Amino acid sequence: LREDLRLELARTKASERFAEVRSQLADAAYAADDLASPAEELGLEIRVVEGVSRDGGAAPFDHAGLVRQLFSEDVLEGGYNTELIDVGDNVSVVARVREYHEPRQLELADV
């Protein structure tokens, strides 16, 4: 019983901390011109992912809401960060487009 209580308390504290950091990240990412400053401020890791298309990509870029925001006018053309998006249990993401390649038709030899 004592161990169960200890585990429940640890889960509760972790959940509260996640909610706190999540809220801080949402606010910081909205106000920032990049992802570096919010990540540094909150001690979070930035990951660079290539090859995300309008059809998505590897997790968490297989989440329709995240992909929709990545290709929104504000993010794609305006250079803004996405809103914070919950993509799974205790997984939230803020993303930014660093480089975008317009779709183009491949040459027959490249197919």
C-alpha atoms as a PDB file:
ATOM      1  CA  LEU A   1       0.000   0.000   0.000  1.00  0.00           C
ATOM      2  CA  ARG A   2       2.794   2.393   0.902  1.00  0.00           C
ATOM      3  CA  GLU A   3       4.578   1.746  -2.407  1.00  0.00           C
ATOM      4  CA  ASP A   4       1.313   2.298  -4.315  1.00  0.00           C
ATOM      5  CA  LEU A   5       0.855   5.658  -2.600  1.00  0.00           C
ATOM      6  CA  ARG A   6       4.437   6.619  -3.373  1.00  0.00           C
ATOM      7  CA  LEU A   7       3.989   5.735  -7.052  1.00  0.00           C
ATOM      8  CA  GLU A   8       0.705   7.639  -7.249  1.00  0.00           C
ATOM      9  CA  LEU A   9       2.318  10.710  -5.667  1.00  0.00           C
ATOM     10  CA  ALA A  10       5.226  10.521  -8.145  1.00  0.00           C
ATOM     11  CA  ARG A  11       2.787  10.251 -11.084  1.00  0.00           C
ATOM     12  CA  THR A  12       0.801  13.210  -9.804  1.00  0.00           C
ATOM     13  CA  LYS A  13       3.927  15.352  -9.404  1.00  0.00           C
ATOM     14  CA  ALA A  14       5.180  14.379 -12.866  1.00  0.00           C
ATOM     15  CA  SER A  15       1.803  15.183 -14.396  1.00  0.00           C
ATOM     16  CA  GLU A  16       1.706  18.576 -12.665  1.00  0.00           C
ATOM     17  CA  ARG A  17       5.249  19.365 -13.826  1.00  0.00           C
ATOM     18  CA  PHE A  18       4.414  18.338 -17.398  1.00  0.00           C
ATOM     19  CA  ALA A  19       1.358  20.611 -17.384  1.00  0.00           C
ATOM     20  CA  GLU A  20       3.472  23.486 -16.037  1.00  0.00           C
ATOM     21  CA  VAL A  21       6.230  23.096 -18.655  1.00  0.00           C
ATOM     22  CA  ARG A  22       3.619  22.579 -21.382  1.00  0.00           C
ATOM     23  CA  SER A  23       1.948  25.875 -20.484  1.00  0.00           C
ATOM     24  CA  GLN A  24       5.282  27.712 -20.327  1.00  0.00           C
ATOM     25  CA  LEU A  25       6.299  26.277 -23.702  1.00  0.00           C
ATOM     26  CA  ALA A  26       3.019  27.302 -25.323  1.00  0.00           C
ATOM     27  CA  ASP A  27       3.473  30.882 -24.101  1.00  0.00           C
ATOM     28  CA  ALA A  28       7.192  31.089 -24.916  1.00  0.00           C
ATOM     29  CA  ALA A  29       6.838  29.584 -28.402  1.00  0.00           C
ATOM     30  CA  TYR A  30       4.004  31.962 -29.258  1.00  0.00           C
ATOM     31  CA  ALA A  31       6.101  34.988 -28.304  1.00  0.00           C
ATOM     32  CA  ALA A  32       9.408  33.779 -29.797  1.00  0.00           C
ATOM     33  CA  ASP A  33      10.889  34.371 -33.239  1.00  0.00           C
ATOM     34  CA  ASP A  34      12.541  30.954 -33.137  1.00  0.00           C
ATOM     35  CA  LEU A  35      12.528  27.680 -31.217  1.00  0.00           C
ATOM     36  CA  ALA A  36      15.979  28.088 -29.675  1.00  0.00           C
ATOM     37  CA  SER A  37      15.043  30.603 -27.005  1.00  0.00           C
ATOM     38  CA  PRO A  38      12.012  28.701 -25.631  1.00  0.00           C
ATOM     39  CA  ALA A  39      13.985  25.441 -25.714  1.00  0.00           C
ATOM     40  CA  GLU A  40      16.912  26.988 -23.880  1.00  0.00           C
ATOM     41  CA  GLU A  41      14.656  28.693 -21.356  1.00  0.00           C
ATOM     42  CA  LEU A  42      12.886  25.431 -20.510  1.00  0.00           C
ATOM     43  CA  GLY A  43      15.781  23.005 -20.979  1.00  0.00           C
ATOM     44  CA  LEU A  44      14.151  21.243 -23.920  1.00  0.00           C
ATOM     45  CA  GLU A  45      15.715  19.542 -26.931  1.00  0.00           C
ATOM     46  CA  ILE A  46      15.274  20.752 -30.503  1.00  0.00           C
ATOM     47  CA  ARG A  47      15.154  18.048 -33.142  1.00  0.00           C
ATOM     48  CA  VAL A  48      15.596  18.735 -36.847  1.00  0.00           C
ATOM     49  CA  VAL A  49      13.465  16.586 -39.133  1.00  0.00           C
ATOM     50  CA  GLU A  50      13.619  16.524 -42.923  1.00  0.00           C
ATOM     51  CA  GLY A  51      11.257  15.184 -45.519  1.00  0.00           C
ATOM     52  CA  VAL A  52       7.914  16.069 -43.971  1.00  0.00           C
ATOM     53  CA  SER A  53       5.295  16.411 -46.688  1.00  0.00           C
ATOM     54  CA  ARG A  54       1.657  17.408 -46.686  1.00  0.00           C
ATOM     55  CA  ASP A  55       1.009  13.690 -46.216  1.00  0.00           C
ATOM     56  CA  GLY A  56       3.013  13.778 -42.991  1.00  0.00           C
ATOM     57  CA  GLY A  57       6.126  11.959 -41.967  1.00  0.00           C
ATOM     58  CA  ALA A  58       7.566   9.928 -39.128  1.00  0.00           C
ATOM     59  CA  ALA A  59       6.071  10.408 -35.662  1.00  0.00           C
ATOM     60  CA  PRO A  60       5.134  12.933 -34.412  1.00  0.00           C
ATOM     61  CA  PHE A  61       4.704  14.344 -37.925  1.00  0.00           C
ATOM     62  CA  ASP A  62       2.130  11.661 -38.628  1.00  0.00           C
ATOM     63  CA  HIS A  63      -0.304  13.713 -36.516  1.00  0.00           C
ATOM     64  CA  ALA A  64      -2.812  15.417 -38.838  1.00  0.00           C
ATOM     65  CA  GLY A  65      -3.161  18.523 -36.652  1.00  0.00           C
ATOM     66  CA  LEU A  66       0.583  19.113 -36.580  1.00  0.00           C
ATOM     67  CA  VAL A  67       0.920  18.652 -40.352  1.00  0.00           C
ATOM     68  CA  ARG A  68      -2.024  20.981 -40.952  1.00  0.00           C
ATOM     69  CA  GLN A  69      -0.335  23.688 -38.863  1.00  0.00           C
ATOM     70  CA  LEU A  70       3.065  23.166 -40.508  1.00  0.00           C
ATOM     71  CA  PHE A  71       1.535  23.864 -43.898  1.00  0.00           C
ATOM     72  CA  SER A  72      -0.615  26.765 -42.719  1.00  0.00           C
ATOM     73  CA  GLU A  73       0.094  30.194 -44.188  1.00  0.00           C
ATOM     74  CA  ASP A  74       1.304  31.624 -40.854  1.00  0.00           C
ATOM     75  CA  VAL A  75       3.862  28.878 -40.306  1.00  0.00           C
ATOM     76  CA  LEU A  76       4.927  28.075 -43.863  1.00  0.00           C
ATOM     77  CA  GLU A  77       5.015  31.590 -45.294  1.00  0.00           C
ATOM     78  CA  GLY A  78       4.972  33.786 -42.197  1.00  0.00           C
ATOM     79  CA  GLY A  79       7.818  31.995 -40.446  1.00  0.00           C
ATOM     80  CA  TYR A  80       5.951  31.532 -37.167  1.00  0.00           C
ATOM     81  CA  ASN A  81       6.103  28.592 -34.780  1.00  0.00           C
ATOM     82  CA  THR A  82       3.146  26.233 -34.668  1.00  0.00           C
ATOM     83  CA  GLU A  83       0.915  26.298 -31.657  1.00  0.00           C
ATOM     84  CA  LEU A  84       1.710  23.682 -29.044  1.00  0.00           C
ATOM     85  CA  ILE A  85       0.017  20.470 -30.172  1.00  0.00           C
ATOM     86  CA  ASP A  86      -0.631  17.334 -28.138  1.00  0.00           C
ATOM     87  CA  VAL A  87       0.391  14.443 -30.375  1.00  0.00           C
ATOM     88  CA  GLY A  88       0.124  11.612 -27.855  1.00  0.00           C
ATOM     89  CA  ASP A  89      -0.003  10.733 -24.189  1.00  0.00           C
ATOM     90  CA  ASN A  90       2.234  13.236 -22.433  1.00  0.00           C
ATOM     91  CA  VAL A  91       3.800  14.274 -25.745  1.00  0.00           C
ATOM     92  CA  SER A  92       3.427  17.849 -26.953  1.00  0.00           C
ATOM     93  CA  VAL A  93       5.190  19.498 -29.881  1.00  0.00           C
ATOM     94  CA  VAL A  94       5.946  22.976 -31.163  1.00  0.00           C
ATOM     95  CA  ALA A  95       7.424  23.041 -34.659  1.00  0.00           C
ATOM     96  CA  ARG A  96       8.798  25.504 -37.161  1.00  0.00           C
ATOM     97  CA  VAL A  97       9.581  25.250 -40.876  1.00  0.00           C
ATOM     98  CA  ARG A  98      13.252  25.991 -41.540  1.00  0.00           C
ATOM     99  CA  GLU A  99      13.260  25.171 -45.229  1.00  0.00           C
ATOM    100  CA  TYR A 100      10.483  24.484 -47.712  1.00  0.00           C
ATOM    101  CA  HIS A 101      10.740  23.082 -51.211  1.00  0.00           C
ATOM    102  CA  GLU A 102       7.866  23.766 -53.593  1.00  0.00           C
ATOM    103  CA  PRO A 103       6.418  20.617 -55.131  1.00  0.00           C
ATOM    104  CA  ARG A 104       7.701  19.958 -58.607  1.00  0.00           C
ATOM    105  CA  GLN A 105       7.229  17.345 -61.251  1.00  0.00           C
ATOM    106  CA  LEU A 106      10.117  14.918 -61.541  1.00  0.00           C
ATOM    107  CA  GLU A 107      11.852  14.391 -64.839  1.00  0.00           C
ATOM    108  CA  LEU A 108      10.988  11.063 -66.443  1.00  0.00           C
ATOM    109  CA  ALA A 109      14.583   9.874 -65.980  1.00  0.00           C
ATOM    110  CA  ASP A 110      14.285  10.495 -62.209  1.00  0.00           C
ATOM    111  CA  VAL A 111      11.171   8.347 -61.803  1.00  0.00           C
END
